[in-house]
C-alpha atoms as a PDB file:
ATOM      1  CA  MET A   1     -27.184 -33.217  26.877  1.00  0.00           C
ATOM      2  CA  PRO A   2     -26.110 -30.277  29.436  1.00  0.00           C
ATOM      3  CA  PHE A   3     -22.227 -30.171  29.453  1.00  0.00           C
ATOM      4  CA  MET A   4     -20.667 -27.746  31.452  1.00  0.00           C
ATOM      5  CA  TYR A   5     -17.812 -25.195  31.012  1.00  0.00           C
ATOM      6  CA  GLU A   6     -15.276 -22.295  32.776  1.00  0.00           C
ATOM      7  CA  LEU A   7     -16.268 -18.587  32.223  1.00  0.00           C
ATOM      8  CA  LYS A   8     -12.264 -17.327  31.380  1.00  0.00           C
ATOM      9  CA  ILE A   9     -11.061 -13.875  29.974  1.00  0.00           C
ATOM     10  CA  ALA A  10      -9.243 -14.517  26.833  1.00  0.00           C
ATOM     11  CA  ALA A  11      -5.701 -15.043  26.687  1.00  0.00           C
ATOM     12  CA  GLU A  12      -5.041 -11.602  24.679  1.00  0.00           C
ATOM     13  CA  GLU A  13      -6.745  -9.280  27.556  1.00  0.00           C
ATOM     14  CA  PRO A  14      -4.301  -8.204  30.639  1.00  0.00           C
ATOM     15  CA  SER A  15      -4.273  -9.354  34.268  1.00  0.00           C
ATOM     16  CA  TYR A  16      -7.553  -7.635  36.286  1.00  0.00           C
ATOM     17  CA  THR A  17      -8.790  -8.072  40.025  1.00  0.00           C
ATOM     18  CA  PHE A  18     -12.443  -9.201  40.587  1.00  0.00           C
ATOM     19  CA  VAL A  19     -14.416  -6.624  41.995  1.00  0.00           C
ATOM     20  CA  GLN A  20     -17.875  -7.674  42.728  1.00  0.00           C
ATOM     21  CA  GLN A  21     -20.256 -11.326  41.551  1.00  0.00           C
ATOM     22  CA  LEU A  22     -23.588 -10.225  39.854  1.00  0.00           C
ATOM     23  CA  VAL A  23     -25.888 -13.045  39.773  1.00  0.00           C
ATOM     24  CA  PRO A  24     -24.873 -15.426  42.626  1.00  0.00           C
ATOM     25  CA  ALA A  25     -24.492 -19.576  41.905  1.00  0.00           C
ATOM     26  CA  GLY A  26     -27.368 -21.091  40.938  1.00  0.00           C
ATOM     27  CA  THR A  27     -28.563 -18.121  38.491  1.00  0.00           C
ATOM     28  CA  LEU A  28     -29.911 -18.431  34.963  1.00  0.00           C
ATOM     29  CA  VAL A  29     -27.434 -16.273  33.241  1.00  0.00           C
ATOM     30  CA  GLY A  30     -28.362 -15.319  29.297  1.00  0.00           C
ATOM     31  CA  THR A  31     -25.861 -14.826  26.349  1.00  0.00           C
ATOM     32  CA  GLY A  32     -24.133 -11.961  26.775  1.00  0.00           C
ATOM     33  CA  GLN A  33     -25.051 -10.806  30.177  1.00  0.00           C
ATOM     34  CA  ALA A  34     -22.414  -9.534  32.590  1.00  0.00           C
ATOM     35  CA  VAL A  35     -22.198 -12.283  35.773  1.00  0.00           C
ATOM     36  CA  CYS A  36     -19.816 -10.080  37.104  1.00  0.00           C
ATOM     37  CA  THR A  37     -17.442  -6.971  37.331  1.00  0.00           C
ATOM     38  CA  VAL A  38     -13.802  -6.488  37.340  1.00  0.00           C
ATOM     39  CA  THR A  39     -11.072  -3.701  37.619  1.00  0.00           C
ATOM     40  CA  ASP A  40      -7.470  -2.836  35.616  1.00  0.00           C
ATOM     41  CA  GLY A  41      -6.905  -0.601  38.450  1.00  0.00           C
ATOM     42  CA  ALA A  42      -8.476   2.339  36.088  1.00  0.00           C
ATOM     43  CA  MET A  43     -11.487   1.681  34.998  1.00  0.00           C
ATOM     44  CA  ASP A  44     -14.015  -1.223  35.947  1.00  0.00           C
ATOM     45  CA  PHE A  45     -15.587  -3.632  33.505  1.00  0.00           C
ATOM     46  CA  HIS A  46     -17.860  -5.914  33.376  1.00  0.00           C
ATOM     47  CA  VAL A  47     -17.600 -10.009  32.374  1.00  0.00           C
ATOM     48  CA  PRO A  48     -20.889 -11.232  29.848  1.00  0.00           C
ATOM     49  CA  ALA A  49     -21.769 -14.590  29.687  1.00  0.00           C
ATOM     50  CA  PRO A  50     -20.762 -16.434  26.684  1.00  0.00           C
ATOM     51  CA  ARG A  51     -23.398 -18.615  26.224  1.00  0.00           C
ATOM     52  CA  GLN A  52     -27.077 -18.971  28.204  1.00  0.00           C
ATOM     53  CA  GLY A  53     -26.682 -21.649  31.188  1.00  0.00           C
ATOM     54  CA  LEU A  54     -27.078 -22.343  34.959  1.00  0.00           C
ATOM     55  CA  LEU A  55     -23.982 -20.714  36.942  1.00  0.00           C
ATOM     56  CA  VAL A  56     -23.359 -23.176  39.318  1.00  0.00           C
ATOM     57  CA  GLU A  57     -19.951 -22.004  41.037  1.00  0.00           C
ATOM     58  CA  TRP A  58     -17.616 -18.800  41.610  1.00  0.00           C
ATOM     59  CA  PHE A  59     -14.118 -20.158  41.903  1.00  0.00           C
ATOM     60  CA  VAL A  60     -12.881 -16.060  42.593  1.00  0.00           C
ATOM     61  CA  GLU A  61     -13.865 -13.904  45.224  1.00  0.00           C
ATOM     62  CA  HIS A  62     -13.714  -9.803  45.492  1.00  0.00           C
ATOM     63  CA  GLY A  63     -10.091  -8.639  45.773  1.00  0.00           C
ATOM     64  CA  ALA A  64      -8.476 -11.517  43.838  1.00  0.00           C
ATOM     65  CA  VAL A  65      -6.287 -11.267  40.946  1.00  0.00           C
ATOM     66  CA  VAL A  66      -7.171 -12.727  37.637  1.00  0.00           C
ATOM     67  CA  GLU A  67      -4.810 -13.723  35.063  1.00  0.00           C
ATOM     68  CA  ASN A  68      -6.013 -14.514  31.144  1.00  0.00           C
ATOM     69  CA  GLY A  69      -6.863 -18.171  31.533  1.00  0.00           C
ATOM     70  CA  ASP A  70      -7.886 -18.730  35.001  1.00  0.00           C
ATOM     71  CA  SER A  71     -11.896 -19.717  35.379  1.00  0.00           C
ATOM     72  CA  LEU A  72     -13.780 -17.227  36.894  1.00  0.00           C
ATOM     73  CA  ALA A  73     -17.007 -19.334  37.443  1.00  0.00           C
ATOM     74  CA  ARG A  74     -18.443 -22.780  36.232  1.00  0.00           C
ATOM     75  CA  ILE A  75     -21.323 -22.701  33.642  1.00  0.00           C
ATOM     76  CA  VAL A  76     -24.050 -25.317  32.858  1.00  0.00           C
ATOM     77  CA  CYS A  77     -25.805 -25.060  29.840  1.00  0.00           C
ATOM     78  CA  GLU A  78     -28.133 -27.382  28.012  1.00  0.00           C
ATOM     79  CA  GLY A  79     -27.740 -28.985  24.272  1.00  0.00           C
ATOM     80  CA  ALA A  80     -24.935 -30.563  22.516  1.00  0.00           C
ATOM     81  CA  GLU A  81     -21.693 -29.766  23.373  1.00  0.00           C
ATOM     82  CA  ILE A  82     -19.552 -27.446  21.924  1.00  0.00           C
ATOM     83  CA  ALA A  83     -16.261 -25.037  22.110  1.00  0.00           C
ATOM     84  CA  VAL A  84     -17.248 -22.181  24.524  1.00  0.00           C
ATOM     85  CA  PRO A  85     -14.949 -19.307  23.852  1.00  0.00           C
ATOM     86  CA  ALA A  86     -13.608 -16.904  26.410  1.00  0.00           C
ATOM     87  CA  VAL A  87     -14.199 -13.682  27.192  1.00  0.00           C
ATOM     88  CA  VAL A  88     -12.970 -10.085  26.578  1.00  0.00           C
ATOM     89  CA  PRO A  89     -14.920  -7.685  29.655  1.00  0.00           C
ATOM     90  CA  MET A  90     -16.482  -5.023  28.511  1.00  0.00           C
ATOM     91  CA  ARG A  91     -15.932  -1.368  29.802  1.00  0.00           C
ATOM     92  CA  LEU A  92     -18.634   0.422  32.083  1.00  0.00           C
ATOM     93  CA  GLY A  93     -19.712   3.734  30.866  1.00  0.00           C
END
């Protein structure tokens, strides 16, 4: 049975500014696949999908400030519902 989760940045992370969606809504994303880019003002980071699924909706747009705990996107997964962890953005380069 499918379930939905919201992609969030881990609580211990600082605030970021949303830069770019790397995949549009309606795209199947794989576990660990970079789905968007954020910046802390000094460096850019990719945000990975913690679990495979269909990205169905974006909640943020370019330039939005993302605080920890804010939802970035909604992803639908197959299988039994499980807790999906918040993500830690990965530095580019």
